[in-house]
Amino acid sequence: MVRISSIRLGIVTTLLITMALASLSAYLSLNILSDEPLYSMLGVLTSLALVFLSVSMYRGKDWALTSLTLFYIILAIIGLLISTSLPSEGLLTLVGGILMSSYLWRYRSRKGKISQEVLEIEEGEEPGTSEESVDQYFLS
């Protein structure tokens, strides 16, 4: 039985970057915004949401992939707005958000094609190559 891995290197990299953003958000919320409890709690909730979305996307949930794509699109828009007053930071945020959202969007559109290929391979496998026939060969 031939299986195609559903987790690619780019997705793992995206998950690691999202986890880094979540930990940065938690750090900034707890240490720098400790004087403002509302903003601190919002930052912690954002961190937890990002971790939850990353883990859900790792487990193959399509809604998490869509949500993270939208998060990075919003991050790119915020980077565009920031670039008027802080050009280098805004540009960094804009480019990072665009790269991440475009990769996730392309992966999202290709994911359906990959799962269809896996189904075609599993349905069209040659006789005698499945796990059951191999087990029967060794048990007899």
Protein backbone atom coordinates (compact mmCIF):
# COMPACT_ATOMS: atom_id res chain seq x y z
CA MET A 1 0.00 0.00 0.00
CA VAL A 2 1.47 3.34 -1.06
CA ARG A 3 0.70 6.39 1.04
CA ILE A 4 1.61 9.98 0.42
CA SER A 5 2.56 11.97 3.50
CA SER A 6 0.07 14.75 4.17
CA ILE A 7 2.49 16.84 6.23
CA ARG A 8 5.04 18.67 4.12
CA LEU A 9 8.16 20.53 5.20
CA GLY A 10 6.52 23.89 4.46
CA ILE A 11 3.59 23.08 6.72
CA VAL A 12 5.90 22.07 9.56
CA THR A 13 7.82 25.33 9.06
CA THR A 14 4.53 27.25 9.10
CA LEU A 15 3.53 25.52 12.32
CA LEU A 16 6.87 26.36 13.94
CA ILE A 17 6.58 30.02 12.90
CA THR A 18 3.03 30.14 14.25
CA MET A 19 4.19 28.63 17.54
CA ALA A 20 6.98 31.24 17.71
CA LEU A 21 4.42 34.01 17.14
CA ALA A 22 2.24 32.52 19.87
CA SER A 23 5.10 32.41 22.36
CA LEU A 24 6.14 35.97 21.43
CA SER A 25 2.57 37.12 21.94
CA ALA A 26 2.39 35.42 25.33
CA TYR A 27 5.74 36.91 26.39
CA LEU A 28 4.78 40.43 25.35
CA SER A 29 1.38 40.10 26.98
CA LEU A 30 2.66 38.89 30.31
CA ASN A 31 5.81 41.00 30.66
CA ILE A 32 5.31 44.24 28.77
CA LEU A 33 1.55 44.66 29.04
CA SER A 34 1.31 43.55 32.66
CA ASP A 35 0.06 47.02 33.68
CA GLU A 36 -2.96 46.67 31.39
CA PRO A 37 -4.83 43.50 32.44
CA LEU A 38 -7.32 43.59 29.54
CA TYR A 39 -4.62 43.75 26.87
CA SER A 40 -2.60 41.17 28.73
CA MET A 41 -5.50 38.71 28.76
CA LEU A 42 -6.25 39.37 25.08
CA GLY A 43 -2.63 38.59 24.22
CA VAL A 44 -2.70 35.37 26.21
CA LEU A 45 -5.99 34.33 24.57
CA THR A 46 -4.48 35.08 21.16
CA SER A 47 -1.49 32.92 22.02
CA LEU A 48 -3.70 30.05 23.09
CA ALA A 49 -5.81 30.38 19.92
CA LEU A 50 -2.69 30.27 17.73
CA VAL A 51 -1.40 27.18 19.53
CA PHE A 52 -4.81 25.52 19.19
CA LEU A 53 -4.96 26.34 15.47
CA SER A 54 -1.42 25.04 14.92
CA VAL A 55 -2.13 21.74 16.64
CA SER A 56 -5.44 21.39 14.80
CA MET A 57 -3.77 22.06 11.46
CA TYR A 58 -1.09 19.49 12.29
CA ARG A 59 -3.86 16.97 12.90
CA GLY A 60 -5.29 17.71 9.44
CA LYS A 61 -8.32 19.89 10.20
CA ASP A 62 -9.33 21.97 7.19
CA TRP A 63 -11.02 24.71 9.22
CA ALA A 64 -7.76 25.33 11.10
CA LEU A 65 -5.91 25.70 7.81
CA THR A 66 -8.48 28.25 6.61
CA SER A 67 -8.38 30.12 9.93
CA LEU A 68 -4.58 30.37 9.91
CA THR A 69 -4.69 31.57 6.31
CA LEU A 70 -7.10 34.34 7.32
CA PHE A 71 -4.92 35.18 10.33
CA TYR A 72 -1.88 35.69 8.12
CA ILE A 73 -3.90 37.75 5.61
CA ILE A 74 -5.02 40.02 8.47
CA LEU A 75 -1.42 40.17 9.69
CA ALA A 76 -0.33 41.32 6.22
CA ILE A 77 -3.01 44.04 6.22
CA ILE A 78 -1.86 45.20 9.66
CA GLY A 79 1.71 45.28 8.35
CA LEU A 80 0.55 47.51 5.51
CA LEU A 81 -1.10 49.87 7.99
CA ILE A 82 1.95 49.89 10.28
CA SER A 83 4.31 50.65 7.40
CA THR A 84 3.11 54.27 7.24
CA SER A 85 4.65 55.10 10.61
CA LEU A 86 7.24 52.32 11.02
CA PRO A 87 8.43 51.40 7.50
CA SER A 88 10.85 48.57 8.27
CA GLU A 89 8.65 46.80 10.85
CA GLY A 90 5.57 47.20 8.70
CA LEU A 91 7.34 45.86 5.63
CA LEU A 92 8.63 42.86 7.58
CA THR A 93 5.13 42.11 8.87
CA LEU A 94 3.58 42.66 5.43
CA VAL A 95 6.00 40.38 3.58
CA GLY A 96 5.84 37.67 6.26
CA GLY A 97 2.04 37.70 6.28
CA ILE A 98 1.82 37.57 2.50
CA LEU A 99 4.31 34.70 2.24
CA MET A 100 2.64 32.61 4.92
CA SER A 101 -0.91 33.22 3.71
CA SER A 102 -0.04 32.52 0.07
CA TYR A 103 1.72 29.26 0.98
CA LEU A 104 -1.20 28.11 3.15
CA TRP A 105 -3.69 29.08 0.45
CA ARG A 106 -1.78 27.11 -2.20
CA TYR A 107 -1.47 24.13 0.16
CA ARG A 108 -5.20 24.34 0.86
CA SER A 109 -6.03 24.18 -2.85
CA ARG A 110 -3.58 21.30 -3.48
CA LYS A 111 -4.66 19.29 -0.44
CA GLY A 112 -7.85 18.07 -2.13
CA LYS A 113 -5.88 16.90 -5.16
CA ILE A 114 -3.40 15.01 -2.96
CA SER A 115 -6.16 13.19 -1.05
CA GLN A 116 -7.81 12.22 -4.37
CA GLU A 117 -4.48 10.78 -5.57
CA VAL A 118 -4.16 8.74 -2.37
CA LEU A 119 -7.65 7.31 -2.86
CA GLU A 120 -6.90 6.42 -6.47
CA ILE A 121 -3.66 4.67 -5.48
CA GLU A 122 -5.35 2.71 -2.68
CA GLU A 123 -8.28 1.66 -4.89
CA GLY A 124 -6.09 0.68 -7.83
CA GLU A 125 -3.42 -1.32 -6.01
CA GLU A 126 -2.17 -4.56 -7.50
CA PRO A 127 -3.45 -7.88 -6.15
CA GLY A 128 -1.23 -9.48 -3.59
CA THR A 129 0.32 -6.24 -2.37
CA SER A 130 -2.14 -5.32 0.36
CA GLU A 131 -1.35 -5.91 4.02
CA GLU A 132 -4.05 -8.57 4.32
CA SER A 133 -2.64 -10.70 1.49
CA VAL A 134 0.88 -10.41 2.91
CA ASP A 135 -0.42 -11.50 6.34
CA GLN A 136 -2.25 -14.45 4.76
CA TYR A 137 0.94 -15.45 2.93
CA PHE A 138 2.99 -15.55 6.12
CA LEU A 139 0.26 -17.19 8.24
CA SER A 140 -0.32 -20.08 5.81
